[in-house]
Amino acid sequence: MSKELNPDPAPSSPEAQAPMTVVPVRHPWRWVAVAVLAVLTAQFVHLAATNPAFDWPFMIDNAFRPPVIEGLLKGTLAGTVIAMTIGIVVGVIVAIMRLSPNPVLSGAAWVFTWVFRAMPRVVLIILFAGLGTLWKRIEFGLPFDEQLGWLFGIEDFRARLFGFDAHTVLTAFVAGMLALGLSEAAYMAEIVRAGIQSVDEGQGEAASALGMTRGQILRRIVLPQAMRVIIPPTGNETIAMLKDTSLLAFAPLTVELFYQLSAVGHRTFNVFPMLIAAALYYLFLASVLMVFQYFLERKFSAGRVRGVQR
C-alpha cells in the first residue's frame, strides 16, 4: 500500500503571486525642518558678511598679534593643561580616600569635595589671589616655636625648616592654577569614584584571592575598566576648564587670551569684533578637544559598546 509523502501544495491565488510594492515611509516634517534651518543659516551668514559691526578686517588684523598669541599659549592652553593635571591627580587621590573604609580619610575627602564644589571658581580665584594678605611669609616647621622657647627659657628659638614670601610665590598665575585645579579636583573625585564603583566588586575579590595587593588591584584591574566611564565626563570637564581659564583675569592675570582680546577692544573702542574673535578662538579649541575625546572614547570603549570595533 503506497502512501503519498509529499503532496502537491495547493495552488496559490493570483494576489499572493503578485510582487509586493514597498513604499518608503515619508517624513515631510524633516524637510520642513531642513528648510527652516537652511533659511536661518543663510540669514546668519548674510548678517555676518554684511553687518559692519563685525568689522572683519579689524578683527583679523588684531586677533593674531603677539600679545594675543602669547595669552593663548601661556594663559589659556598652559592653564588648561596645568589645572587639569592638578585636578586629575588630586581627584584620583580624593576619590580613593572617599572609598576608603577609614572614616577619617573618607570624611576628609567628603569635606574637600563639599567645599570646593560649593564655591564658584571666580570666588576661589579671587580668594587664592588674596592669600598674601593673610600671610606675608609662609613657613614650615614646628608650630608654636616661640612659645616653646619661652617655656624652656630659650630666647629667639626658631624651629622653622624653610619658608617663602607669599607675594613672591603666590603670583596671579600660581593662585589661578591652584584655584582652578583644586576646584576641578572636587569634580574629578566624584567622576573617578563613579567609575571605580561601576566595576564589579567580584573582580577585585578574585584578584585579592590570587594574592594581588590593593594597589595592584586598583592599578591593573579596576582603573583600566573604569576608564570607559571616566573618559567622557573628563573630556567635558577639560572643555569646561578651557573656557574657565578666562576667569584668570580676576587673579588678575594679564597673559590670557580673553583678557588680551578684551584689552584690544577697549583700547580701540571697538569691543564687539574682539568678542567675536574670542568666541571663534574658543570654538576652534573646543572642537579640537572634542575630536581627541572622540578617539579616546573609541579606544577605551572598544569591544564593549555595540557598533564600535577594535
Protein backbone atom coordinates (compact mmCIF):
# COMPACT_ATOMS: atom_id res chain seq x y z
CA MET A 1 0.00 0.00 0.00
CA SER A 2 1.59 3.24 -1.14
CA LYS A 3 1.46 6.39 0.88
CA GLU A 4 1.91 9.88 -0.55
CA LEU A 5 4.64 11.59 1.46
CA ASN A 6 4.89 14.93 -0.37
CA PRO A 7 1.54 16.02 -1.67
CA ASP A 8 1.46 18.88 -4.12
CA PRO A 9 0.79 22.23 -2.46
CA ALA A 10 -2.48 23.93 -3.12
CA PRO A 11 -2.30 26.45 -5.95
CA SER A 12 -1.78 29.95 -4.67
CA SER A 13 -4.05 32.84 -5.51
CA PRO A 14 -3.07 35.45 -8.13
CA GLU A 15 -2.89 38.07 -5.37
CA ALA A 16 -0.26 36.04 -3.49
CA GLN A 17 1.86 35.60 -6.63
CA ALA A 18 1.88 39.32 -7.46
CA PRO A 19 5.11 41.18 -6.46
CA MET A 20 4.87 43.29 -3.33
CA THR A 21 5.39 47.01 -3.72
CA VAL A 22 7.41 48.55 -0.88
CA VAL A 23 6.53 52.16 -0.18
CA PRO A 24 9.13 54.02 1.91
CA VAL A 25 7.95 55.91 4.96
CA ARG A 26 7.75 59.58 4.20
CA HIS A 27 8.92 62.23 6.62
CA PRO A 28 7.64 65.57 5.34
CA TRP A 29 8.40 67.41 8.59
CA ARG A 30 12.07 66.56 8.26
CA TRP A 31 12.22 68.51 5.03
CA VAL A 32 10.37 71.37 6.68
CA ALA A 33 12.96 71.42 9.48
CA VAL A 34 15.80 71.32 6.92
CA ALA A 35 14.26 74.24 5.03
CA VAL A 36 13.85 76.30 8.22
CA LEU A 37 17.46 75.61 9.28
CA ALA A 38 18.72 76.47 5.79
CA VAL A 39 16.90 79.81 5.85
CA LEU A 40 18.22 80.64 9.34
CA THR A 41 21.77 79.69 8.32
CA ALA A 42 21.57 81.86 5.20
CA GLN A 43 20.29 84.78 7.25
CA PHE A 44 23.15 84.43 9.76
CA VAL A 45 25.78 84.21 7.01
CA HIS A 46 24.30 87.28 5.34
CA LEU A 47 24.30 89.12 8.68
CA ALA A 48 27.94 88.23 9.39
CA ALA A 49 29.03 89.19 5.88
CA THR A 50 27.19 92.50 5.53
CA ASN A 51 26.80 93.95 9.03
CA PRO A 52 29.60 96.49 9.63
CA ALA A 53 29.56 95.77 13.38
CA PHE A 54 31.55 92.57 12.78
CA ASP A 55 34.40 94.57 11.15
CA TRP A 56 36.25 91.51 9.85
CA PRO A 57 39.38 93.36 8.62
CA PHE A 58 39.87 94.93 12.05
CA MET A 59 39.30 91.56 13.74
CA ILE A 60 41.76 89.68 11.53
CA ASP A 61 44.36 92.41 11.90
CA ASN A 62 44.25 92.37 15.72
CA ALA A 63 43.31 88.79 16.62
CA PHE A 64 46.76 87.35 15.77
CA ARG A 65 49.07 89.92 17.31
CA PRO A 66 51.92 88.65 19.56
CA PRO A 67 50.24 89.53 22.92
CA VAL A 68 47.12 87.61 21.88
CA ILE A 69 49.11 84.55 20.77
CA GLU A 70 51.14 84.72 23.99
CA GLY A 71 47.93 84.81 26.00
CA LEU A 72 46.63 81.83 24.02
CA LEU A 73 49.74 79.72 24.65
CA LYS A 74 50.81 80.78 28.16
CA GLY A 75 47.42 81.56 29.64
CA THR A 76 44.67 79.51 28.03
CA LEU A 77 46.43 76.35 26.82
CA ALA A 78 49.07 76.13 29.55
CA GLY A 79 46.47 76.97 32.18
CA THR A 80 44.14 74.25 30.93
CA VAL A 81 46.88 71.61 30.97
CA ILE A 82 48.22 72.55 34.42
CA ALA A 83 44.82 72.95 36.07
CA MET A 84 43.52 69.66 34.62
CA THR A 85 46.71 67.86 35.71
CA ILE A 86 46.25 69.12 39.26
CA GLY A 87 42.56 68.26 39.13
CA ILE A 88 43.05 64.71 37.85
CA VAL A 89 45.92 63.81 40.21
CA VAL A 90 44.28 65.27 43.32
CA GLY A 91 40.87 63.99 42.20
CA VAL A 92 42.10 60.38 41.98
CA ILE A 93 43.64 60.65 45.46
CA VAL A 94 40.46 62.16 46.92
CA ALA A 95 38.30 59.50 45.22
CA ILE A 96 40.41 56.70 46.72
CA MET A 97 40.18 58.40 50.11
CA ARG A 98 36.41 58.71 49.72
CA LEU A 99 36.13 54.96 49.11
CA SER A 100 38.47 54.10 51.98
CA PRO A 101 37.00 52.14 54.91
CA ASN A 102 38.86 54.55 57.21
CA PRO A 103 36.19 57.05 58.38
CA VAL A 104 38.79 59.82 58.91
CA LEU A 105 40.06 59.62 55.32
CA SER A 106 36.56 59.25 53.93
CA GLY A 107 35.28 62.20 55.98
CA ALA A 108 38.20 64.43 54.97
CA ALA A 109 37.60 63.61 51.30
CA TRP A 110 33.90 64.41 51.66
CA VAL A 111 34.69 67.79 53.27
CA PHE A 112 37.12 68.59 50.43
CA THR A 113 34.56 67.84 47.72
CA TRP A 114 31.84 69.69 49.64
CA VAL A 115 33.88 72.89 49.99
CA PHE A 116 35.36 73.11 46.50
CA ARG A 117 32.17 72.06 44.69
CA ALA A 118 30.09 74.59 46.61
CA MET A 119 32.25 77.66 45.90
CA PRO A 120 32.22 79.38 42.48
CA ARG A 121 35.52 79.30 40.67
CA VAL A 122 35.71 83.05 40.28
CA VAL A 123 35.39 83.42 44.06
CA LEU A 124 38.12 80.82 44.59
CA ILE A 125 40.44 82.61 42.19
CA ILE A 126 39.99 85.93 43.98
CA LEU A 127 40.46 84.25 47.39
CA PHE A 128 43.65 82.45 46.36
CA ALA A 129 44.99 85.63 44.79
CA GLY A 130 44.47 87.39 48.12
CA LEU A 131 46.18 84.79 50.32
CA GLY A 132 49.15 87.13 50.56
CA THR A 133 47.06 89.37 52.79
CA LEU A 134 46.76 86.55 55.36
CA TRP A 135 50.44 85.62 55.48
CA LYS A 136 53.25 87.85 54.34
CA ARG A 137 55.58 84.89 54.70
CA ILE A 138 54.64 81.19 54.68
CA GLU A 139 56.95 78.98 56.74
CA PHE A 140 57.02 75.27 57.53
CA GLY A 141 58.34 73.81 60.77
CA LEU A 142 57.42 73.20 64.38
CA PRO A 143 54.29 75.12 65.41
CA PHE A 144 54.32 77.42 68.44
CA ASP A 145 58.12 77.52 68.41
CA GLU A 146 58.25 80.92 70.13
CA GLN A 147 56.03 79.68 72.98
CA LEU A 148 58.22 76.59 73.36
CA GLY A 149 61.27 78.82 73.60
CA TRP A 150 59.68 80.85 76.39
CA LEU A 151 58.71 77.63 78.18
CA PHE A 152 62.29 76.35 78.20
CA GLY A 153 63.88 79.76 78.65
CA ILE A 154 65.42 79.90 75.17
CA GLU A 155 65.38 83.32 73.53
CA ASP A 156 64.79 83.67 69.82
CA PHE A 157 64.01 79.96 69.47
CA ARG A 158 63.08 79.13 65.85
CA ALA A 159 62.16 75.66 64.60
CA ARG A 160 61.37 76.56 61.00
CA LEU A 161 62.61 74.29 58.22
CA PHE A 162 62.01 76.59 55.26
CA GLY A 163 59.72 79.35 54.12
CA PHE A 164 58.98 81.77 51.32
CA ASP A 165 57.46 85.17 50.73
CA ALA A 166 53.77 84.78 49.91
CA HIS A 167 53.64 87.64 47.41
CA THR A 168 56.66 86.27 45.54
CA VAL A 169 55.43 82.69 45.19
CA LEU A 170 51.66 83.17 45.05
CA THR A 171 51.66 85.07 41.78
CA ALA A 172 48.49 85.57 39.80
CA PHE A 173 49.23 82.53 37.64
CA VAL A 174 50.02 80.23 40.59
CA ALA A 175 46.96 81.39 42.53
CA GLY A 176 44.74 80.86 39.50
CA MET A 177 46.13 77.39 38.84
CA LEU A 178 45.63 76.34 42.46
CA ALA A 179 42.07 77.65 42.49
CA LEU A 180 41.08 76.05 39.19
CA GLY A 181 42.98 72.82 39.89
CA LEU A 182 41.53 72.22 43.35
CA SER A 183 38.05 73.13 42.17
CA GLU A 184 38.42 70.65 39.32
CA ALA A 185 39.76 68.02 41.72
CA ALA A 186 36.46 68.03 43.61
CA TYR A 187 34.54 67.23 40.42
CA MET A 188 37.11 64.70 39.20
CA ALA A 189 36.93 62.92 42.55
CA GLU A 190 33.24 62.23 42.02
CA ILE A 191 33.84 61.17 38.40
CA VAL A 192 36.61 58.75 39.39
CA ARG A 193 34.56 57.43 42.31
CA ALA A 194 31.64 56.69 39.98
CA GLY A 195 33.99 54.95 37.53
CA ILE A 196 35.54 52.78 40.24
CA GLN A 197 32.14 51.81 41.64
CA SER A 198 30.96 50.80 38.14
CA VAL A 199 33.42 47.87 38.16
CA ASP A 200 32.04 44.63 39.61
CA GLU A 201 33.35 44.02 43.12
CA GLY A 202 33.75 40.33 42.34
CA GLN A 203 36.72 41.09 40.10
CA GLY A 204 38.56 42.75 42.94
CA GLU A 205 37.74 39.86 45.25
CA ALA A 206 39.03 37.36 42.69
CA ALA A 207 42.25 39.34 42.24
CA SER A 208 42.68 39.53 46.01
CA ALA A 209 42.26 35.75 46.22
CA LEU A 210 45.13 35.43 43.72
CA GLY A 211 47.40 37.37 46.08
CA MET A 212 47.32 40.82 44.47
CA THR A 213 47.65 43.81 46.77
CA ARG A 214 45.02 46.54 46.92
CA GLY A 215 47.23 48.90 44.92
CA GLN A 216 47.79 46.28 42.23
CA ILE A 217 44.08 45.56 42.03
CA LEU A 218 43.30 49.24 41.65
CA ARG A 219 46.04 49.84 39.07
CA ARG A 220 45.70 46.66 36.98
CA ILE A 221 42.07 45.59 37.36
CA VAL A 222 39.78 48.42 38.44
CA LEU A 223 41.09 51.61 36.80
CA PRO A 224 41.54 50.15 33.27
CA GLN A 225 37.88 49.10 33.27
CA ALA A 226 36.70 52.28 34.96
CA MET A 227 38.28 54.42 32.22
CA ARG A 228 35.34 53.84 29.85
CA VAL A 229 33.13 55.54 32.45
CA ILE A 230 35.69 58.18 33.42
CA ILE A 231 36.79 59.38 29.95
CA PRO A 232 33.52 61.01 28.66
CA PRO A 233 32.91 63.31 31.67
CA THR A 234 36.64 64.04 31.92
CA GLY A 235 36.57 65.26 28.32
CA ASN A 236 33.64 67.51 29.17
CA GLU A 237 35.50 68.84 32.22
CA THR A 238 38.56 69.59 30.08
CA ILE A 239 36.47 71.60 27.63
CA ALA A 240 34.84 73.44 30.54
CA MET A 241 38.29 74.16 32.01
CA LEU A 242 39.45 75.57 28.67
CA LYS A 243 36.64 78.11 28.86
CA ASP A 244 37.07 78.78 32.59
CA THR A 245 40.64 79.97 32.04
CA SER A 246 39.02 83.26 31.02
CA LEU A 247 38.31 83.74 34.74
CA LEU A 248 42.05 84.11 35.38
CA ALA A 249 41.62 87.79 34.61
CA PHE A 250 40.19 88.11 38.16
CA ALA A 251 43.53 86.95 39.64
CA PRO A 252 44.45 89.31 37.86
CA LEU A 253 46.41 87.56 35.10
CA THR A 254 47.04 89.64 32.00
CA VAL A 255 48.73 86.91 29.93
CA GLU A 256 45.47 85.27 28.94
CA LEU A 257 43.57 85.03 25.66
CA PHE A 258 40.28 86.66 26.60
CA TYR A 259 41.98 89.41 28.60
CA GLN A 260 44.21 90.34 25.67
CA LEU A 261 41.35 90.35 23.16
CA SER A 262 39.20 92.44 25.50
CA ALA A 263 42.09 94.84 26.05
CA VAL A 264 42.37 95.41 22.29
CA GLY A 265 38.64 96.07 22.04
CA HIS A 266 38.54 98.53 24.94
CA ARG A 267 41.70 100.31 23.81
CA THR A 268 40.35 100.85 20.29
CA PHE A 269 36.71 101.39 21.38
CA ASN A 270 35.72 98.50 19.09
CA VAL A 271 34.74 95.76 21.51
CA PHE A 272 32.31 93.62 19.54
CA PRO A 273 34.74 92.29 16.88
CA MET A 274 37.14 91.20 19.61
CA LEU A 275 34.34 89.36 21.38
CA ILE A 276 33.58 87.52 18.15
CA ALA A 277 37.29 86.71 17.83
CA ALA A 278 37.29 85.26 21.34
CA ALA A 279 34.21 83.17 20.54
CA LEU A 280 35.87 81.81 17.38
CA TYR A 281 39.08 81.00 19.28
CA TYR A 282 37.22 79.04 21.97
CA LEU A 283 35.03 77.34 19.36
CA PHE A 284 38.09 76.12 17.46
CA LEU A 285 39.95 74.94 20.57
CA ALA A 286 36.90 73.16 21.98
CA SER A 287 36.34 71.44 18.62
CA VAL A 288 39.91 70.08 18.69
CA LEU A 289 39.38 68.75 22.21
CA MET A 290 36.12 67.11 21.12
CA VAL A 291 38.00 65.24 18.39
CA PHE A 292 40.54 63.94 20.91
CA GLN A 293 37.72 62.96 23.25
CA TYR A 294 36.00 61.03 20.45
CA PHE A 295 39.08 58.91 19.71
CA LEU A 296 39.78 58.33 23.41
CA GLU A 297 36.24 57.10 23.91
CA ARG A 298 36.63 54.74 20.95
CA LYS A 299 39.88 53.39 22.38
CA PHE A 300 38.56 52.65 25.86
CA SER A 301 35.10 51.51 24.70
CA ALA A 302 36.31 49.08 22.01
CA GLY A 303 34.72 45.68 22.45
CA ARG A 304 32.19 46.94 24.98
CA VAL A 305 29.85 49.22 23.05
CA ARG A 306 27.75 47.99 20.16
CA GLY A 307 28.94 49.28 16.82
CA VAL A 308 32.49 50.06 17.99
CA GLN A 309 35.20 47.86 16.50
CA ARG A 310 38.79 47.33 17.58
